[in-house]
C-alpha cells in the first residue's frame, strides 16, 4: 500500500479530515469489494478507514506499553511475553494475530 498523503503522524491541531489516495493490490481490493457486497462494510473507504483506525490504536497502545517499561527501567520477562502472546493470540514471528 502506498500512502500519497502527508506522512506526519501528528498533524497540526485543528487539521480536518482530508482525502488520501492509497494503492492496494488487486487481490486485496477484490476481497474488500466482496466484503462490501455481502454487507460486512458499507464501502471500501469505510473498510480501509476501520483497518487504519485499528492499527493506529494498536500502535498507540504498544507505544504506551513501551513507555511504561522504559519508566520502570526494565523489560517484561519471557514469561510475561509468552502469557501476553497467548492471551492476545499473537504469533512470535511477525507480531500478527493468528487466523
C-alpha atoms as a PDB file:
ATOM      1  CA  UNK A   1       0.000   0.000   0.000  1.00  0.00           C
ATOM      2  CA  UNK A   2       1.348   3.406  -0.939  1.00  0.00           C
ATOM      3  CA  UNK A   3       0.237   6.457   1.016  1.00  0.00           C
ATOM      4  CA  UNK A   4       0.194   9.606  -1.046  1.00  0.00           C
ATOM      5  CA  UNK A   5      -0.857  11.784   1.881  1.00  0.00           C
ATOM      6  CA  UNK A   6       1.226  13.820   4.277  1.00  0.00           C
ATOM      7  CA  UNK A   7       3.229  11.250   6.230  1.00  0.00           C
ATOM      8  CA  UNK A   8       3.088  13.206   9.500  1.00  0.00           C
ATOM      9  CA  UNK A   9       1.747  11.171  12.395  1.00  0.00           C
ATOM     10  CA  UNK A  10       0.891  14.357  14.272  1.00  0.00           C
ATOM     11  CA  UNK A  11      -0.974  16.770  12.003  1.00  0.00           C
ATOM     12  CA  UNK A  12      -1.410  20.340  13.225  1.00  0.00           C
ATOM     13  CA  UNK A  13      -4.164  20.877  15.767  1.00  0.00           C
ATOM     14  CA  UNK A  14      -7.465  21.562  14.082  1.00  0.00           C
ATOM     15  CA  UNK A  15      -6.462  19.838  10.869  1.00  0.00           C
ATOM     16  CA  UNK A  16      -9.616  18.372   9.388  1.00  0.00           C
ATOM     17  CA  UNK A  17     -10.122  15.064   7.678  1.00  0.00           C
ATOM     18  CA  UNK A  18      -8.849  15.027   4.155  1.00  0.00           C
ATOM     19  CA  UNK A  19      -8.732  12.676   1.252  1.00  0.00           C
ATOM     20  CA  UNK A  20      -5.803  10.413   0.683  1.00  0.00           C
ATOM     21  CA  UNK A  21      -5.072   8.044  -2.141  1.00  0.00           C
ATOM     22  CA  UNK A  22      -3.775   4.592  -1.381  1.00  0.00           C
ATOM     23  CA  UNK A  23      -2.788   1.792  -3.714  1.00  0.00           C
ATOM     24  CA  UNK A  24      -3.974  -1.694  -2.830  1.00  0.00           C
ATOM     25  CA  UNK A  25      -3.125  -4.923  -4.551  1.00  0.00           C
ATOM     26  CA  UNK A  26      -5.806  -6.202  -6.927  1.00  0.00           C
ATOM     27  CA  UNK A  27      -6.449  -9.239  -4.712  1.00  0.00           C
ATOM     28  CA  UNK A  28      -6.865  -7.104  -1.587  1.00  0.00           C
ATOM     29  CA  UNK A  29      -9.226  -4.718  -3.331  1.00  0.00           C
ATOM     30  CA  UNK A  30     -11.313  -7.579  -4.705  1.00  0.00           C
ATOM     31  CA  UNK A  31     -11.576  -9.160  -1.246  1.00  0.00           C
ATOM     32  CA  UNK A  32     -12.702  -5.861   0.264  1.00  0.00           C
ATOM     33  CA  UNK A  33     -15.255  -5.345  -2.506  1.00  0.00           C
ATOM     34  CA  UNK A  34     -16.661  -8.825  -1.819  1.00  0.00           C
ATOM     35  CA  UNK A  35     -16.994  -7.963   1.880  1.00  0.00           C
ATOM     36  CA  UNK A  36     -18.808  -4.756   0.973  1.00  0.00           C
ATOM     37  CA  UNK A  37     -21.105  -6.688  -1.365  1.00  0.00           C
ATOM     38  CA  UNK A  38     -22.186  -9.024   1.455  1.00  0.00           C
ATOM     39  CA  UNK A  39     -22.645  -6.186   3.932  1.00  0.00           C
ATOM     40  CA  UNK A  40     -19.527  -6.621   6.092  1.00  0.00           C
ATOM     41  CA  UNK A  41     -18.644  -2.974   5.396  1.00  0.00           C
ATOM     42  CA  UNK A  42     -20.597  -0.096   3.947  1.00  0.00           C
ATOM     43  CA  UNK A  43     -17.872   0.854   1.456  1.00  0.00           C
ATOM     44  CA  UNK A  44     -14.246   0.247   0.522  1.00  0.00           C
ATOM     45  CA  UNK A  45     -13.389   3.597   2.154  1.00  0.00           C
ATOM     46  CA  UNK A  46     -15.125   2.583   5.391  1.00  0.00           C
ATOM     47  CA  UNK A  47     -13.332  -0.773   5.453  1.00  0.00           C
ATOM     48  CA  UNK A  48      -9.911   0.803   4.928  1.00  0.00           C
ATOM     49  CA  UNK A  49     -10.609   3.566   7.472  1.00  0.00           C
ATOM     50  CA  UNK A  50     -11.630   0.976  10.093  1.00  0.00           C
ATOM     51  CA  UNK A  51      -8.496  -1.072   9.406  1.00  0.00           C
ATOM     52  CA  UNK A  52      -6.296   2.010   9.750  1.00  0.00           C
ATOM     53  CA  UNK A  53      -8.048   3.055  12.982  1.00  0.00           C
ATOM     54  CA  UNK A  54      -7.477  -0.410  14.444  1.00  0.00           C
ATOM     55  CA  UNK A  55      -3.794  -0.375  13.503  1.00  0.00           C
ATOM     56  CA  UNK A  56      -3.297   3.139  14.901  1.00  0.00           C
ATOM     57  CA  UNK A  57      -4.895   2.114  18.210  1.00  0.00           C
ATOM     58  CA  UNK A  58      -2.665  -0.962  18.399  1.00  0.00           C
ATOM     59  CA  UNK A  59       0.443   1.108  17.688  1.00  0.00           C
ATOM     60  CA  UNK A  60      -0.619   3.727  20.275  1.00  0.00           C
ATOM     61  CA  UNK A  61      -1.131   1.012  22.878  1.00  0.00           C
ATOM     62  CA  UNK A  62       2.231  -0.582  22.108  1.00  0.00           C
ATOM     63  CA  UNK A  63       3.940   2.795  22.419  1.00  0.00           C
ATOM     64  CA  UNK A  64       2.291   3.385  25.807  1.00  0.00           C
ATOM     65  CA  UNK A  65       3.403  -0.049  26.977  1.00  0.00           C
ATOM     66  CA  UNK A  66       6.974   0.556  25.805  1.00  0.00           C
ATOM     67  CA  UNK A  67       6.997   3.923  27.602  1.00  0.00           C
ATOM     68  CA  UNK A  68       5.781   2.240  30.782  1.00  0.00           C
ATOM     69  CA  UNK A  69       8.585  -0.325  30.695  1.00  0.00           C
ATOM     70  CA  UNK A  70      11.159   2.398  29.985  1.00  0.00           C
ATOM     71  CA  UNK A  71       9.929   4.384  33.012  1.00  0.00           C
ATOM     72  CA  UNK A  72      10.151   1.243  35.160  1.00  0.00           C
ATOM     73  CA  UNK A  73      13.672   0.610  33.872  1.00  0.00           C
ATOM     74  CA  UNK A  74      13.164  -2.970  32.758  1.00  0.00           C
ATOM     75  CA  UNK A  75      11.584  -5.034  30.033  1.00  0.00           C
ATOM     76  CA  UNK A  76       8.908  -7.685  30.518  1.00  0.00           C
ATOM     77  CA  UNK A  77      10.159 -11.173  31.295  1.00  0.00           C
ATOM     78  CA  UNK A  78       9.961 -14.001  28.765  1.00  0.00           C
ATOM     79  CA  UNK A  79       7.159 -15.468  30.898  1.00  0.00           C
ATOM     80  CA  UNK A  80       5.150 -12.227  30.694  1.00  0.00           C
ATOM     81  CA  UNK A  81       5.641 -12.038  26.928  1.00  0.00           C
ATOM     82  CA  UNK A  82       4.571 -15.668  26.459  1.00  0.00           C
ATOM     83  CA  UNK A  83       1.441 -15.046  28.535  1.00  0.00           C
ATOM     84  CA  UNK A  84       0.581 -11.908  26.565  1.00  0.00           C
ATOM     85  CA  UNK A  85       1.075 -13.687  23.231  1.00  0.00           C
ATOM     86  CA  UNK A  86      -1.204 -16.496  24.356  1.00  0.00           C
ATOM     87  CA  UNK A  87      -3.935 -14.160  25.602  1.00  0.00           C
ATOM     88  CA  UNK A  88      -3.762 -11.900  22.545  1.00  0.00           C
ATOM     89  CA  UNK A  89      -3.275 -14.675  20.005  1.00  0.00           C
ATOM     90  CA  UNK A  90      -0.144 -13.021  18.636  1.00  0.00           C
ATOM     91  CA  UNK A  91       2.398 -15.005  16.668  1.00  0.00           C
ATOM     92  CA  UNK A  92       6.013 -14.784  17.894  1.00  0.00           C
ATOM     93  CA  UNK A  93       7.460 -14.476  14.397  1.00  0.00           C
ATOM     94  CA  UNK A  94       5.694 -11.482  12.946  1.00  0.00           C
ATOM     95  CA  UNK A  95       3.579  -9.920  15.691  1.00  0.00           C
ATOM     96  CA  UNK A  96       0.385 -10.514  13.746  1.00  0.00           C
ATOM     97  CA  UNK A  97      -2.668 -12.267  15.091  1.00  0.00           C
ATOM     98  CA  UNK A  98      -3.264 -15.887  14.269  1.00  0.00           C
ATOM     99  CA  UNK A  99      -6.081 -16.729  11.883  1.00  0.00           C
END
